[in-house]
C-alpha cells in the first residue's frame, strides 16, 4: 500500500566501505583566470551534473567520502572545486584590494570555470556551511540552470544582523595571522560582513526544489548562536514553497562524516525525483543494488521504509514486475514489523498472478495491523 506520508528525515546507518571498492577516475583541471588559477576535479558521467560547494575552510577534497558512491548510483558527472586560495587553486597576488577577493569574485570564478568546462546548462547544487552563500548566489544569478539543491547545514542568513561582525571581532587575531600564511581564509573572513549584507538581498527562487539538512549538535560558541542557527533553517523551510527539511540526528556540522548514508540518499533521491523517467528508473535500480549490498553486509538498514516503497512503485509502474518484487521483498526483510511493507509486497505479487503468496502477505499485514482496511479488502477479493 502506498504511504500517504513521506518522511522529512531518515535515520540511516553507515554504508560499508568495502562495497564501494571500485571508484571512477577523478580528473583535475586548472582553469586560468588571468590573475590566478581555479582547480576543478571531475568524475565524468551523463545527465545533469552535480556540483559540490564546500564550506569556509575546506577545499573540494572534503567531499571525497561520498562522491564516488553518488556517481555510481546516479551515473552523473560529479564536480568539486577549490575556491581561490584553497586546495590546488591559487589566489590573485597582484591586487590586495578586499573587493577583488570577495564573494562576488568567487562566484564569477565558479561561473567562468563551469562555462569553460562545458557545464553551462542544467546543474544540481550540493553545498555545505558557508558554501550555501555560493548556492544562493548561483541560483539567484542563474535561476533557469539549477535543477535542484541539497543544502547540508548551510548558513542561510545566519551572519546577518551583526552576527558576521561578531564572528570577525572574535577571530581578529587569527585573521591578522592568516594574512601571511592563509590568504584564502584571510580574505573570506575579511569580507564576511560584506558577503552577509549581499545575502540579505538574495533568495533561492521559489521554483527550485531544496532539501535542507540540519545537524543535531550545537552550533557556535553559545546557546544564542545555536538557537539562531536552528531558527534560520526553520525559517527557510517554512517560507520556501519547494523546501523539505531533514533533521540529521546524532550528527555534527559535517553530517556526511557521521551519517554518509543519509546524505547519499538525500542527494540520490533528489536527483532522481527531478530527472526524466528513464534516468530516475536507472537511478532507483542502482540505488536498490547498493541498499541490498549494504543490508546484506551488516544486516542494517541503509534506506528508509518509505524510500524503498517509493522506488518499488516507480519500478512497478515502469512494467518491470520482477524487479519490483525484489524491491518490496527487500523492504519486508529490512522492516519486518511494518504492516505496510507486506501490504505493498502483496500488491506486486498479485500483479504477478502469484495469488497464494499475495494472500499470505496481506494476512501478515492485517495480523500486524488489524485496522489495515486495504489488506482486509484484498484478502476478501482474493478469497472470492
Protein backbone atom coordinates (compact mmCIF):
# COMPACT_ATOMS: atom_id res chain seq x y z
CA UNK A 1 0.00 0.00 0.00
CA UNK A 2 1.35 3.43 -0.89
CA UNK A 3 2.22 5.54 2.12
CA UNK A 4 0.47 8.90 2.31
CA UNK A 5 3.29 10.34 4.37
CA UNK A 6 6.84 10.86 3.11
CA UNK A 7 9.32 11.20 6.00
CA UNK A 8 11.11 14.52 6.28
CA UNK A 9 14.07 12.87 7.93
CA UNK A 10 15.73 9.47 7.77
CA UNK A 11 17.82 7.55 10.29
CA UNK A 12 20.48 5.70 8.32
CA UNK A 13 23.49 3.66 9.36
CA UNK A 14 26.87 3.68 7.66
CA UNK A 15 27.44 2.14 4.25
CA UNK A 16 30.25 -0.42 4.39
CA UNK A 17 33.32 0.94 2.61
CA UNK A 18 34.07 -2.42 1.02
CA UNK A 19 31.05 -2.30 -1.28
CA UNK A 20 32.39 0.81 -2.97
CA UNK A 21 35.81 -0.61 -3.77
CA UNK A 22 35.72 0.32 -7.46
CA UNK A 23 35.97 4.06 -7.90
CA UNK A 24 35.79 6.14 -11.05
CA UNK A 25 38.74 8.29 -12.01
CA UNK A 26 38.88 11.88 -10.77
CA UNK A 27 40.43 14.30 -13.27
CA UNK A 28 41.87 17.61 -12.03
CA UNK A 29 41.76 20.62 -14.37
CA UNK A 30 43.26 24.04 -13.65
CA UNK A 31 41.34 26.92 -15.24
CA UNK A 32 43.44 30.06 -15.85
CA UNK A 33 41.53 33.15 -14.72
CA UNK A 34 44.31 35.55 -15.75
CA UNK A 35 45.48 36.57 -12.29
CA UNK A 36 45.07 33.13 -10.68
CA UNK A 37 44.02 29.53 -11.35
CA UNK A 38 40.99 27.59 -10.10
CA UNK A 39 41.18 23.81 -9.74
CA UNK A 40 38.17 21.72 -10.75
CA UNK A 41 38.02 17.96 -10.05
CA UNK A 42 35.65 15.98 -12.24
CA UNK A 43 34.29 12.44 -12.35
CA UNK A 44 32.78 12.10 -15.81
CA UNK A 45 29.24 10.81 -16.20
CA UNK A 46 25.99 11.52 -18.01
CA UNK A 47 22.85 13.55 -17.42
CA UNK A 48 22.59 16.57 -15.18
CA UNK A 49 25.97 17.21 -13.49
CA UNK A 50 26.18 17.58 -9.71
CA UNK A 51 28.31 20.42 -8.31
CA UNK A 52 29.61 20.26 -4.72
CA UNK A 53 30.34 23.52 -2.87
CA UNK A 54 32.48 23.18 0.26
CA UNK A 55 32.39 25.16 3.50
CA UNK A 56 34.54 28.09 4.58
CA UNK A 57 37.86 26.47 5.46
CA UNK A 58 37.61 23.47 3.14
CA UNK A 59 38.55 22.63 -0.41
CA UNK A 60 36.89 20.12 -2.75
CA UNK A 61 38.60 17.10 -1.18
CA UNK A 62 36.26 17.35 1.82
CA UNK A 63 33.62 15.57 -0.32
CA UNK A 64 35.80 12.54 -1.05
CA UNK A 65 33.96 10.17 1.37
CA UNK A 66 30.69 10.31 -0.62
CA UNK A 67 31.22 11.48 -4.22
CA UNK A 68 32.16 8.09 -5.67
CA UNK A 69 29.06 6.42 -4.25
CA UNK A 70 26.85 9.20 -5.59
CA UNK A 71 28.48 8.93 -9.01
CA UNK A 72 27.97 5.16 -9.10
CA UNK A 73 24.29 5.40 -8.19
CA UNK A 74 23.28 8.43 -10.28
CA UNK A 75 25.68 7.95 -13.18
CA UNK A 76 26.06 11.72 -13.18
CA UNK A 77 29.13 13.87 -13.69
CA UNK A 78 30.45 14.94 -10.28
CA UNK A 79 32.18 18.31 -9.96
CA UNK A 80 34.13 19.56 -6.95
CA UNK A 81 36.43 22.55 -6.95
CA UNK A 82 38.74 24.66 -4.78
CA UNK A 83 37.93 28.34 -4.32
CA UNK A 84 40.79 30.83 -4.78
CA UNK A 85 43.38 30.39 -2.05
CA UNK A 86 42.24 26.89 -1.09
CA UNK A 87 43.45 23.44 -2.12
CA UNK A 88 45.13 23.48 -5.52
CA UNK A 89 43.70 26.87 -6.53
CA UNK A 90 45.95 29.90 -6.45
CA UNK A 91 44.94 33.44 -5.48
CA UNK A 92 45.31 36.83 -7.14
CA UNK A 93 48.52 38.23 -5.63
CA UNK A 94 48.57 41.33 -7.85
CA UNK A 95 45.64 43.07 -6.21
CA UNK A 96 45.21 43.14 -2.43
CA UNK A 97 42.01 45.20 -2.53
CA UNK A 98 39.39 43.34 -0.49
CA UNK A 99 36.75 43.86 -3.17
CA UNK A 100 38.87 41.79 -5.57
CA UNK A 101 38.69 38.83 -3.21
CA UNK A 102 35.09 38.95 -2.01
CA UNK A 103 32.26 36.53 -2.64
CA UNK A 104 31.30 38.19 -5.94
CA UNK A 105 34.80 37.48 -7.29
CA UNK A 106 34.40 33.89 -6.09
CA UNK A 107 31.08 33.33 -7.84
CA UNK A 108 32.50 34.78 -11.05
CA UNK A 109 35.36 32.26 -10.84
CA UNK A 110 32.84 29.46 -10.49
CA UNK A 111 30.63 30.60 -13.34
CA UNK A 112 33.56 31.16 -15.69
CA UNK A 113 35.10 27.81 -14.78
CA UNK A 114 31.85 25.90 -15.40
CA UNK A 115 31.39 27.71 -18.71
CA UNK A 116 34.87 26.83 -19.95
CA UNK A 117 34.45 23.21 -18.90
CA UNK A 118 31.19 22.98 -20.87
CA UNK A 119 28.83 22.82 -17.89
CA UNK A 120 26.70 25.80 -18.81
CA UNK A 121 23.25 24.19 -18.73
CA UNK A 122 21.20 22.47 -16.01
CA UNK A 123 23.07 21.56 -12.84
CA UNK A 124 22.30 20.21 -9.36
CA UNK A 125 23.91 22.04 -6.43
CA UNK A 126 25.15 20.47 -3.19
CA UNK A 127 26.54 22.85 -0.58
CA UNK A 128 27.84 22.83 2.97
CA UNK A 129 28.03 25.62 5.56
CA UNK A 130 29.49 28.82 4.04
CA UNK A 131 29.14 27.17 0.62
CA UNK A 132 25.42 27.89 1.00
CA UNK A 133 26.20 31.52 0.17
CA UNK A 134 27.50 30.39 -3.22
CA UNK A 135 24.38 28.30 -3.74
CA UNK A 136 22.19 31.33 -3.05
CA UNK A 137 24.28 33.46 -5.39
CA UNK A 138 24.45 30.94 -8.22
CA UNK A 139 20.74 30.11 -8.03
CA UNK A 140 19.69 33.78 -7.96
CA UNK A 141 22.03 34.66 -10.85
CA UNK A 142 21.24 31.51 -12.87
CA UNK A 143 17.68 30.53 -11.91
CA UNK A 144 16.98 28.56 -15.09
CA UNK A 145 20.14 26.47 -14.77
CA UNK A 146 19.55 24.96 -11.33
CA UNK A 147 17.68 21.66 -11.30
CA UNK A 148 17.61 21.19 -7.53
CA UNK A 149 19.61 21.90 -4.36
CA UNK A 150 20.65 19.91 -1.31
CA UNK A 151 21.96 22.16 1.46
CA UNK A 152 23.95 20.42 4.21
CA UNK A 153 23.87 22.58 7.34
CA UNK A 154 24.29 25.75 5.26
CA UNK A 155 24.47 29.29 6.63
CA UNK A 156 21.27 30.81 5.16
CA UNK A 157 21.04 34.32 6.68
CA UNK A 158 22.81 33.37 9.91
CA UNK A 159 25.52 36.06 9.56
CA UNK A 160 23.06 38.93 9.10
CA UNK A 161 22.08 41.40 11.84
CA UNK A 162 25.62 41.90 13.09
CA UNK A 163 26.48 38.22 13.59
CA UNK A 164 29.16 38.39 10.87
CA UNK A 165 30.88 41.26 12.65
CA UNK A 166 30.72 39.43 15.97
CA UNK A 167 32.50 36.46 14.41
CA UNK A 168 35.11 38.68 12.76
CA UNK A 169 35.78 40.54 16.02
CA UNK A 170 36.18 37.27 17.89
CA UNK A 171 38.64 35.90 15.32
CA UNK A 172 40.55 39.10 14.51
CA UNK A 173 43.86 37.82 15.89
CA UNK A 174 43.67 34.73 13.67
CA UNK A 175 42.61 36.80 10.67
CA UNK A 176 45.66 39.05 11.10
CA UNK A 177 47.93 35.99 11.24
CA UNK A 178 46.31 34.44 8.17
CA UNK A 179 47.31 37.45 6.06
CA UNK A 180 50.78 35.94 5.89
CA UNK A 181 50.10 32.20 5.72
CA UNK A 182 46.46 31.54 4.71
CA UNK A 183 45.17 34.14 2.25
CA UNK A 184 42.06 32.12 1.42
CA UNK A 185 40.74 32.36 4.99
CA UNK A 186 42.10 35.90 5.41
CA UNK A 187 40.05 37.27 2.53
CA UNK A 188 36.99 35.12 3.30
CA UNK A 189 36.65 36.47 6.83
CA UNK A 190 37.81 40.00 5.98
CA UNK A 191 34.90 40.23 3.51
CA UNK A 192 32.36 38.22 5.55
CA UNK A 193 30.37 41.27 6.68
CA UNK A 194 30.04 42.42 3.08
CA UNK A 195 29.07 38.89 2.00
CA UNK A 196 26.41 38.71 4.70
CA UNK A 197 24.97 42.01 3.50
CA UNK A 198 24.79 40.73 -0.08
CA UNK A 199 22.96 37.61 1.13
CA UNK A 200 20.19 39.69 2.70
CA UNK A 201 19.23 40.84 -0.80
CA UNK A 202 19.03 37.32 -2.25
CA UNK A 203 16.75 34.30 -2.12
CA UNK A 204 16.70 30.91 -3.78
CA UNK A 205 13.99 31.15 -6.47
CA UNK A 206 10.72 29.55 -5.41
CA UNK A 207 10.60 27.11 -8.33
CA UNK A 208 13.85 25.38 -7.35
CA UNK A 209 13.38 22.30 -5.10
CA UNK A 210 15.57 22.42 -1.98
CA UNK A 211 16.36 19.76 0.62
CA UNK A 212 17.65 21.50 3.74
CA UNK A 213 19.52 19.24 6.17
CA UNK A 214 20.20 20.40 9.73
CA UNK A 215 22.67 18.84 12.17
CA UNK A 216 21.71 17.98 15.74
CA UNK A 217 24.83 19.30 17.52
CA UNK A 218 25.23 22.79 18.95
CA UNK A 219 26.49 25.50 16.62
CA UNK A 220 28.83 28.33 17.52
CA UNK A 221 30.19 29.24 20.92
CA UNK A 222 26.98 29.70 22.92
CA UNK A 223 23.27 28.90 23.07
CA UNK A 224 22.30 32.17 21.34
CA UNK A 225 24.28 31.17 18.25
CA UNK A 226 22.83 27.65 18.28
CA UNK A 227 19.27 28.97 18.58
CA UNK A 228 19.87 31.41 15.73
CA UNK A 229 21.29 28.63 13.53
CA UNK A 230 18.22 26.46 14.10
CA UNK A 231 15.85 29.39 13.55
CA UNK A 232 17.49 30.29 10.24
CA UNK A 233 16.93 26.76 8.94
CA UNK A 234 13.36 26.62 10.23
CA UNK A 235 12.52 29.97 8.66
CA UNK A 236 13.90 28.88 5.32
CA UNK A 237 11.93 25.62 5.25
CA UNK A 238 8.76 27.41 6.40
CA UNK A 239 8.96 30.15 3.77
CA UNK A 240 10.39 28.45 0.67
CA UNK A 241 7.48 26.73 -1.15
CA UNK A 242 9.68 23.94 -2.54
CA UNK A 243 11.74 23.16 0.55
CA UNK A 244 11.92 19.93 2.56
CA UNK A 245 13.64 19.89 5.95
CA UNK A 246 15.61 16.92 7.26
CA UNK A 247 16.84 16.79 10.86
CA UNK A 248 20.02 14.70 10.99
CA UNK A 249 20.06 13.13 14.44
CA UNK A 250 23.35 12.44 16.25
CA UNK A 251 25.47 14.42 13.80
CA UNK A 252 27.77 17.40 13.89
CA UNK A 253 28.37 20.11 11.27
CA UNK A 254 29.99 17.66 8.82
CA UNK A 255 26.91 15.49 8.63
CA UNK A 256 28.18 13.17 5.88
CA UNK A 257 31.06 12.06 8.10
CA UNK A 258 28.70 10.90 10.85
CA UNK A 259 25.94 9.58 8.61
CA UNK A 260 27.06 9.27 4.98
CA UNK A 261 24.07 7.13 4.03
CA UNK A 262 21.64 9.89 4.97
CA UNK A 263 23.41 12.42 2.74
CA UNK A 264 23.92 9.96 -0.13
CA UNK A 265 20.26 9.04 -0.03
CA UNK A 266 19.06 12.66 0.13
CA UNK A 267 21.17 13.57 -2.90
CA UNK A 268 20.32 10.45 -4.91
CA UNK A 269 16.59 10.70 -4.21
CA UNK A 270 16.51 14.41 -5.07
CA UNK A 271 18.46 13.77 -8.27
CA UNK A 272 16.05 11.03 -9.34
CA UNK A 273 12.91 12.92 -8.37
CA UNK A 274 13.69 15.79 -10.72
CA UNK A 275 15.14 13.72 -13.56
CA UNK A 276 13.27 12.27 -16.54
CA UNK A 277 11.55 8.93 -16.04
CA UNK A 278 14.24 6.88 -17.79
CA UNK A 279 17.04 8.38 -15.70
CA UNK A 280 15.03 8.11 -12.49
CA UNK A 281 14.31 4.43 -13.09
CA UNK A 282 18.01 3.69 -13.67
CA UNK A 283 18.97 5.61 -10.52
CA UNK A 284 16.39 3.83 -8.39
CA UNK A 285 17.56 0.42 -9.61
CA UNK A 286 21.22 1.19 -8.90
CA UNK A 287 20.23 2.64 -5.54
CA UNK A 288 18.42 -0.60 -4.73
CA UNK A 289 21.55 -2.57 -5.56
CA UNK A 290 23.55 -0.51 -3.07
CA UNK A 291 20.82 -0.78 -0.45
CA UNK A 292 20.76 -4.56 -0.87
CA UNK A 293 24.55 -4.90 -0.67
CA UNK A 294 24.75 -2.65 2.40
CA UNK A 295 21.95 -4.55 4.12
CA UNK A 296 23.49 -7.94 3.33
CA UNK A 297 26.88 -6.76 4.56
CA UNK A 298 25.93 -5.78 8.09
CA UNK A 299 22.20 -6.59 8.30
CA UNK A 300 21.32 -2.98 8.94
CA UNK A 301 19.06 -0.53 7.16
CA UNK A 302 20.66 1.71 4.54
CA UNK A 303 17.40 3.24 3.32
CA UNK A 304 14.10 4.19 4.90
CA UNK A 305 10.95 2.13 4.51
CA UNK A 306 9.17 4.90 2.62
CA UNK A 307 12.16 5.40 0.33
CA UNK A 308 12.23 1.76 -0.78
CA UNK A 309 8.45 1.67 -1.07
CA UNK A 310 8.51 4.69 -3.38
CA UNK A 311 11.19 3.08 -5.52
CA UNK A 312 9.16 -0.14 -5.70
CA UNK A 313 6.05 1.56 -7.06
CA UNK A 314 8.11 3.57 -9.52
CA UNK A 315 9.64 0.37 -10.91
CA UNK A 316 6.26 -1.42 -10.87
CA UNK A 317 4.70 1.35 -12.94
CA UNK A 318 7.56 1.05 -15.43
CA UNK A 319 6.43 -2.55 -16.09
CA UNK A 320 9.42 -4.34 -14.52
CA UNK A 321 7.47 -6.65 -12.19
CA UNK A 322 10.37 -8.99 -11.28
CA UNK A 323 12.50 -6.02 -10.20
CA UNK A 324 9.56 -4.54 -8.27
CA UNK A 325 9.07 -7.87 -6.48
CA UNK A 326 12.72 -7.81 -5.43
CA UNK A 327 12.34 -4.28 -4.04
CA UNK A 328 9.21 -4.97 -2.00
CA UNK A 329 10.67 -8.26 -0.73
CA UNK A 330 13.75 -6.36 0.45
CA UNK A 331 11.51 -3.97 2.37
CA UNK A 332 9.89 -6.85 4.27
CA UNK A 333 13.36 -8.05 5.31
CA UNK A 334 14.51 -4.60 6.41
CA UNK A 335 11.27 -3.61 8.15
CA UNK A 336 9.60 -6.87 9.27
CA UNK A 337 7.44 -5.13 11.87
CA UNK A 338 5.75 -2.77 9.38
CA UNK A 339 2.32 -3.79 8.13
CA UNK A 340 2.66 -1.57 5.08
CA UNK A 341 5.64 -3.40 3.58
CA UNK A 342 3.68 -6.68 3.50
CA UNK A 343 0.67 -4.88 2.02
CA UNK A 344 2.83 -3.48 -0.80
CA UNK A 345 4.56 -6.83 -1.33
CA UNK A 346 1.14 -8.48 -1.60
CA UNK A 347 0.13 -5.95 -4.25
CA UNK A 348 3.10 -6.67 -6.50
CA UNK A 349 2.74 -10.43 -6.04
CA UNK A 350 -0.88 -10.13 -7.08
CA UNK A 351 0.22 -8.21 -10.17
CA UNK A 352 2.46 -11.18 -10.99
CA UNK A 353 -0.56 -13.53 -10.56
CA UNK A 354 1.04 -15.19 -7.53
CA UNK A 355 -2.23 -15.18 -5.57
CA UNK A 356 -1.38 -17.60 -2.77
CA UNK A 357 1.80 -15.72 -1.91
CA UNK A 358 -0.06 -12.41 -2.15
CA UNK A 359 -2.75 -13.70 0.20
CA UNK A 360 -0.09 -14.70 2.75
CA UNK A 361 1.42 -11.20 2.61
CA UNK A 362 -1.94 -9.47 3.06
CA UNK A 363 -2.73 -11.76 6.01
CA UNK A 364 0.63 -10.92 7.57
CA UNK A 365 -0.10 -7.20 7.09
CA UNK A 366 -3.52 -7.48 8.78
CA UNK A 367 -2.02 -9.58 11.57
CA UNK A 368 0.36 -6.72 12.38
CA UNK A 369 -2.31 -4.04 11.91
CA UNK A 370 -5.89 -5.33 12.26
CA UNK A 371 -7.14 -1.88 11.13
CA UNK A 372 -5.48 -2.13 7.72
CA UNK A 373 -8.67 -1.77 5.66
CA UNK A 374 -6.86 -2.22 2.34
CA UNK A 375 -5.40 -5.53 3.49
CA UNK A 376 -8.80 -6.75 4.72
CA UNK A 377 -10.39 -5.77 1.41
CA UNK A 378 -7.71 -7.52 -0.68
CA UNK A 379 -7.94 -10.73 1.38
CA UNK A 380 -11.69 -10.85 0.72
CA UNK A 381 -11.20 -10.25 -3.01
CA UNK A 382 -8.55 -12.97 -3.35
CA UNK A 383 -10.67 -15.49 -1.42
CA UNK A 384 -13.57 -14.94 -3.82
